[in-house]
Protein backbone atom coordinates (compact mmCIF):
# COMPACT_ATOMS: atom_id res chain seq x y z
CA MET A 1 34.55 2.15 5.67
CA SER A 2 34.69 1.44 9.52
CA ALA A 3 33.13 -1.19 11.16
CA ALA A 4 30.32 -0.42 14.01
CA PHE A 5 31.75 -3.86 15.80
CA GLU A 6 33.89 -6.68 14.54
CA LEU A 7 34.58 -10.13 16.49
CA THR A 8 37.80 -11.67 15.99
CA GLY A 9 37.52 -15.14 16.47
CA VAL A 10 35.63 -14.89 19.26
CA SER A 11 34.64 -17.73 21.87
CA LYS A 12 31.85 -17.45 24.78
CA ARG A 13 31.59 -20.55 26.89
CA PHE A 14 29.55 -21.16 29.81
CA GLY A 15 30.57 -23.88 31.69
CA ALA A 16 31.88 -26.53 28.72
CA ALA A 17 29.38 -25.51 26.46
CA PRO A 18 30.08 -23.42 23.95
CA ALA A 19 27.64 -20.19 23.78
CA LEU A 20 29.93 -18.65 20.53
CA ASP A 21 32.78 -21.16 18.50
CA GLU A 22 35.61 -18.41 17.03
CA LEU A 23 33.40 -16.67 15.72
CA SER A 24 34.37 -14.00 13.30
CA LEU A 25 32.48 -11.53 12.08
CA SER A 26 32.46 -6.99 11.24
CA ILE A 27 29.23 -4.59 10.86
CA PRO A 28 29.80 -1.52 8.98
CA GLU A 29 28.44 1.59 10.09
CA GLY A 30 25.37 2.86 9.24
CA SER A 31 24.22 -0.95 7.70
CA VAL A 32 20.79 -2.41 8.96
CA VAL A 33 21.03 -5.59 10.26
CA GLY A 34 18.87 -9.16 10.34
CA LEU A 35 20.31 -11.77 13.28
CA ILE A 36 18.48 -15.20 12.69
CA GLY A 37 19.14 -18.07 13.73
CA ARG A 38 17.16 -21.47 15.98
CA ASN A 39 16.88 -21.12 19.47
CA GLY A 40 20.08 -21.20 21.30
CA CYS A 41 22.61 -20.49 17.87
CA GLY A 42 23.68 -17.74 19.63
CA LYS A 43 22.54 -14.31 18.87
CA THR A 44 21.41 -12.97 22.49
CA THR A 45 25.06 -13.88 23.87
CA LEU A 46 26.42 -12.05 20.72
CA LEU A 47 24.02 -8.42 22.02
CA ARG A 48 25.20 -8.59 24.61
CA LEU A 49 29.50 -8.67 24.48
CA VAL A 50 28.74 -6.19 21.74
CA VAL A 51 27.25 -3.85 24.95
CA GLY A 52 30.42 -5.55 27.43
CA LEU A 53 27.79 -7.66 29.46
CA TYR A 54 30.28 -10.56 28.54
CA LEU A 55 33.49 -10.88 27.80
CA PRO A 56 35.13 -13.40 25.20
CA THR A 57 36.13 -16.25 27.23
CA GLU A 58 38.88 -15.79 23.88
CA GLY A 59 39.23 -13.92 20.78
CA HIS A 60 38.43 -9.77 20.47
CA CYS A 61 35.07 -7.76 20.44
CA GLU A 62 35.37 -4.50 19.60
CA ALA A 63 32.21 -2.14 20.03
CA LEU A 64 32.90 1.51 17.81
CA GLY A 65 36.28 1.53 18.13
CA CYS A 66 36.75 0.44 22.14
CA PRO A 67 37.63 -2.93 23.61
CA VAL A 68 34.38 -4.18 25.06
CA GLY A 69 36.38 -4.59 28.12
CA LYS A 70 37.03 -1.55 28.32
CA LEU A 71 33.63 0.31 26.66
CA GLY A 72 32.79 3.84 29.01
CA PRO A 73 30.54 6.48 29.91
CA ASP A 74 31.46 8.04 25.85
CA GLU A 75 30.90 5.22 24.47
CA LEU A 76 27.90 3.47 25.84
CA SER A 77 26.12 7.11 25.76
CA ARG A 78 25.77 6.04 21.71
CA ILE A 79 24.56 2.89 21.91
CA GLY A 80 20.60 1.72 22.51
CA VAL A 81 19.82 -2.05 23.06
CA VAL A 82 16.68 -3.76 23.85
CA HIS A 83 17.04 -6.51 25.86
CA GLN A 84 14.83 -9.78 25.04
CA GLU A 85 14.19 -9.57 28.83
CA SER A 86 14.36 -5.80 29.53
CA ARG A 87 14.71 -4.90 33.79
CA PHE A 88 12.99 -1.70 34.91
CA LEU A 89 12.38 -0.13 37.86
CA VAL A 90 8.45 -1.17 38.41
CA TRP A 91 7.63 0.71 41.70
CA MET A 92 8.17 4.07 39.15
CA LYS A 93 4.92 5.57 36.40
CA VAL A 94 6.43 5.29 32.81
CA ARG A 95 6.40 9.34 33.14
CA GLN A 96 9.79 9.62 36.16
CA HIS A 97 11.15 6.22 34.44
CA LEU A 98 12.15 7.99 31.64
CA ARG A 99 12.73 10.90 33.37
CA TYR A 100 15.31 8.88 35.55
CA ILE A 101 16.91 7.55 32.28
CA ALA A 102 16.99 10.29 29.78
CA SER A 103 19.45 12.25 33.11
CA PHE A 104 22.20 10.33 31.95
CA TYR A 105 22.39 11.38 28.13
CA LYS A 106 22.99 14.91 27.59
CA ASP A 107 21.75 14.74 23.93
CA TRP A 108 18.36 13.22 25.46
CA ASP A 109 15.57 14.10 22.38
CA GLN A 110 12.27 14.71 25.11
CA ASP A 111 9.93 15.43 21.44
CA ARG A 112 11.07 11.61 20.11
CA GLU A 113 9.87 10.75 23.02
CA GLN A 114 6.23 11.90 23.13
CA ARG A 115 5.84 11.38 19.55
CA LEU A 116 7.17 8.01 20.67
CA LEU A 117 4.90 7.37 23.27
CA LYS A 118 1.61 9.22 21.17
CA GLU A 119 2.70 6.71 18.56
CA LEU A 120 2.59 3.56 20.58
CA GLU A 121 -0.35 4.86 22.83
CA LEU A 122 1.62 4.51 25.80
CA ASP A 123 0.01 5.96 29.47
CA GLN A 124 2.61 8.59 31.27
CA GLU A 125 0.93 7.67 34.46
CA ALA A 126 0.41 3.84 34.38
CA ARG A 127 2.88 2.02 37.03
CA VAL A 128 5.62 0.25 35.05
CA GLY A 129 4.82 -3.14 36.70
CA THR A 130 1.29 -2.65 36.19
CA LEU A 131 2.16 -2.79 32.19
CA SER A 132 1.79 -5.76 29.58
CA PRO A 133 4.54 -6.70 28.54
CA GLY A 134 3.72 -5.54 25.06
CA ASN A 135 4.08 -2.40 26.40
CA LEU A 136 6.98 -3.09 28.51
CA GLN A 137 8.38 -3.48 25.31
CA LYS A 138 6.97 -0.35 23.95
CA LEU A 139 8.64 1.53 26.82
CA ALA A 140 12.21 -0.63 26.32
CA ILE A 141 12.29 1.05 22.63
CA ILE A 142 11.95 4.16 24.00
CA LEU A 143 14.64 4.37 26.32
CA ALA A 144 16.43 2.84 23.16
CA VAL A 145 16.07 5.59 20.91
CA CYS A 146 16.10 8.95 22.17
CA HIS A 147 19.66 9.45 23.10
CA HIS A 148 19.93 9.87 19.29
CA PRO A 149 22.10 6.08 19.62
CA LYS A 150 24.92 5.96 16.98
CA LEU A 151 24.30 1.65 17.39
CA LEU A 152 21.36 -0.21 17.91
CA LEU A 153 20.54 -3.26 19.17
CA LEU A 154 17.26 -5.05 18.71
CA ASP A 155 17.24 -8.26 20.87
CA GLU A 156 13.47 -10.01 20.01
CA PRO A 157 12.24 -5.52 19.82
CA MET A 158 8.40 -7.24 19.08
CA ALA A 159 8.01 -10.81 20.36
CA ALA A 160 5.00 -9.52 22.91
CA MET A 161 3.38 -6.07 21.10
CA ASP A 162 0.47 -6.90 18.48
CA PRO A 163 0.01 -6.36 15.29
CA ILE A 164 -0.85 -2.92 15.31
CA GLY A 165 2.53 -1.73 17.97
CA ARG A 166 4.07 -3.18 15.31
CA GLU A 167 3.27 -2.59 12.88
CA LYS A 168 4.03 1.47 14.36
CA LEU A 169 7.09 0.48 15.66
CA PHE A 170 8.57 -0.51 12.16
CA GLU A 171 7.17 2.48 10.18
CA PHE A 172 8.93 4.23 13.97
CA LEU A 173 11.94 2.32 12.93
CA LEU A 174 11.83 3.31 8.85
CA ASP A 175 11.72 7.52 10.04
CA LEU A 176 14.68 6.71 13.03
CA LEU A 177 17.54 5.42 10.43
CA GLN A 178 16.54 8.00 7.94
CA GLU A 179 17.67 10.95 11.07
CA ASP A 180 20.08 8.76 12.74
CA GLY A 181 21.59 6.57 9.79
CA ASN A 182 22.95 4.72 12.66
CA THR A 183 23.92 1.16 12.68
CA THR A 184 20.92 -1.19 13.74
CA VAL A 185 20.45 -4.77 14.58
CA ILE A 186 17.76 -6.38 14.80
CA SER A 187 17.37 -10.21 16.13
CA SER A 188 14.03 -11.95 15.13
CA HIS A 189 12.36 -15.04 14.84
CA ALA A 190 9.32 -12.83 13.06
CA LEU A 191 11.98 -13.09 9.94
CA ARG A 192 9.00 -11.52 7.93
CA ASP A 193 9.08 -8.40 9.78
CA VAL A 194 13.11 -8.16 8.91
CA GLU A 195 13.67 -8.49 5.69
CA ARG A 196 11.90 -5.11 5.81
CA ILE A 197 13.83 -3.14 7.18
CA VAL A 198 17.28 -5.17 6.39
CA ASP A 199 19.98 -4.80 4.05
CA ARG A 200 22.17 -7.76 5.64
CA VAL A 201 21.58 -10.81 6.89
CA VAL A 202 23.99 -12.15 10.02
CA CYS A 203 22.61 -16.47 10.48
CA LEU A 204 23.93 -17.55 13.06
CA ASP A 205 24.35 -21.80 14.20
CA GLY A 206 25.61 -23.47 16.83
CA GLY A 207 27.71 -20.86 17.87
CA ARG A 208 29.44 -20.23 14.14
CA LEU A 209 28.73 -17.90 11.40
CA LEU A 210 26.62 -19.02 8.41
CA GLU A 211 25.94 -16.47 6.29
CA ASP A 212 26.63 -13.42 6.23
CA THR A 213 25.63 -11.39 3.30
CA SER A 214 23.36 -8.36 1.95
CA LEU A 215 19.61 -9.73 1.54
CA ASP A 216 19.58 -9.02 -2.59
CA ASP A 217 22.43 -11.36 -2.45
CA LEU A 218 20.64 -14.17 -0.42
CA GLN A 219 17.55 -13.29 -2.73
CA GLU A 220 18.91 -13.83 -5.62
CA ARG A 221 20.62 -17.38 -4.34
CA PHE A 222 17.85 -18.89 -3.36
CA ALA A 223 14.32 -19.41 -6.18
CA ARG A 224 11.66 -21.73 -6.80
CA TRP A 225 11.09 -22.84 -9.87
CA ILE A 226 8.00 -24.10 -11.35
CA VAL A 227 8.83 -26.37 -13.34
CA THR A 228 6.18 -27.45 -16.84
CA SER A 229 7.55 -29.78 -19.69
CA LYS A 230 6.80 -29.16 -23.23
CA ASN A 231 6.03 -32.43 -23.93
CA GLY A 232 4.34 -35.31 -21.72
CA GLY A 233 5.59 -35.82 -18.11
CA LEU A 234 8.44 -34.88 -15.88
CA PRO A 235 10.31 -36.76 -14.50
CA ASP A 236 9.99 -38.03 -11.09
CA HIS A 237 13.10 -36.80 -9.04
CA PHE A 238 15.20 -34.32 -10.45
CA SER A 239 19.39 -35.26 -9.40
CA GLU A 240 20.88 -31.27 -9.23
CA GLY A 241 23.15 -31.01 -6.55
CA TYR A 242 21.56 -27.34 -6.11
CA VAL A 243 18.26 -28.93 -6.19
CA LEU A 244 17.45 -28.88 -2.27
CA GLU A 245 13.53 -29.22 -2.41
CA GLN A 246 10.82 -30.43 -5.15
CA LYS A 247 7.42 -31.47 -5.05
CA GLY A 248 4.03 -31.64 -6.86
CA ASP A 249 2.92 -34.39 -9.87
CA PRO A 250 3.96 -35.96 -13.20
CA PHE A 251 2.84 -32.30 -14.60
CA ARG A 252 4.10 -29.41 -12.42
CA LYS A 253 6.76 -29.76 -9.42
CA GLN A 254 8.09 -26.49 -7.31
CA LEU A 255 11.87 -27.19 -6.81
CA LEU A 256 13.34 -25.15 -4.54
CA VAL A 257 16.95 -23.94 -5.82
CA ALA A 258 20.04 -22.34 -4.22
CA ASP A 259 23.10 -21.08 -6.92
CA GLY A 260 21.29 -22.04 -9.98
CA ALA A 261 20.14 -18.91 -11.71
CA SER A 262 23.55 -19.30 -14.41
CA LYS A 263 22.57 -23.07 -14.60
CA LEU A 264 18.93 -22.51 -15.76
CA GLU A 265 19.22 -22.70 -19.53
CA ALA A 266 20.74 -26.03 -19.61
CA PHE A 267 18.67 -27.60 -16.69
CA GLN A 268 15.79 -26.66 -19.40
CA ASN A 269 17.33 -27.67 -22.35
CA LYS A 270 18.10 -31.28 -20.80
CA HIS A 271 14.60 -32.18 -19.56
CA HIS A 272 13.01 -30.08 -22.57
CA LEU A 273 10.52 -28.02 -19.88
CA GLU A 274 9.45 -24.57 -18.64
CA VAL A 275 10.43 -22.42 -15.19
CA THR A 276 9.04 -19.80 -13.83
CA LEU A 277 10.40 -18.38 -11.94
CA GLN A 278 9.05 -16.53 -8.12
CA PRO A 279 11.31 -14.99 -5.00
CA LEU A 280 11.98 -16.17 -2.01
CA ASN A 281 11.15 -14.25 0.91
CA LEU A 282 13.24 -14.62 4.16
CA GLU A 283 11.29 -17.16 5.47
CA ARG A 284 11.35 -19.27 3.34
CA ILE A 285 15.13 -19.30 2.95
CA PHE A 286 16.30 -19.20 6.24
CA PRO A 287 15.63 -23.54 6.99
CA LEU A 288 17.40 -24.03 3.71
CA LEU A 289 20.21 -22.30 4.92
CA ILE A 290 20.14 -24.04 7.67
CA GLY A 291 20.01 -27.18 5.80
CA LYS A 292 22.42 -26.77 3.63
CA LYS A 293 24.39 -26.28 6.53
CA ASN A 294 23.73 -29.68 7.66
């Protein structure tokens, strides 16, 4: 399968500080990726590299098969981007801004535009400079998707939206993936929202790649074990290396474990206890990933 974008040994520095540090990553076409990490880990820098707004200090980066320093109108017309802080022509009305951006794309879908304006409740006659932060995000999303991009990059696309707007956007994104079959990357701290749509998770920390795996594999690796004793009390502390966190009392404990599935039976027999497994969501897995690295 071809890569929608690929980085090989990429470092990006601003002065002496590395925003990305020898990062190698390949995202297959058709993937829906959740790009996660702490503030300042390099997520925004990565997305800006992919569209050629930044160039690597070292290494090589390609998007849609083209080196990012040589991205031209053909490649850029197949990419949609929502920046964390998008810039607009604030003196225009929403309707005028849409027509201006649409003029750059031969495949602009006006039916999709009108559907999104209605579903996201965005007033076409409003002056862009008067829009709330949430409505500006709605406009940015409409501008990014109405030309049917093959690669869609969303950097904190819902941070300023209210819950109703976020829910409507997610419904649309699910429809869009079925309609366009594109590659989508969502960078967001709203991990409960992200896991509803992604099939792959890329986690950065300190400009380095910490994790690149499917969401299913990640959720199989981490679990909560509810532990109860068969014959009285529980140990004060479980020393197994795969037990990352533990809390509770002498009769019932919650353990957060990594890669423990193959060790479960031996663990039960050793300590003479019973274990009930509970899956973890991405919001709970994320600090465990960071903790394992540290």
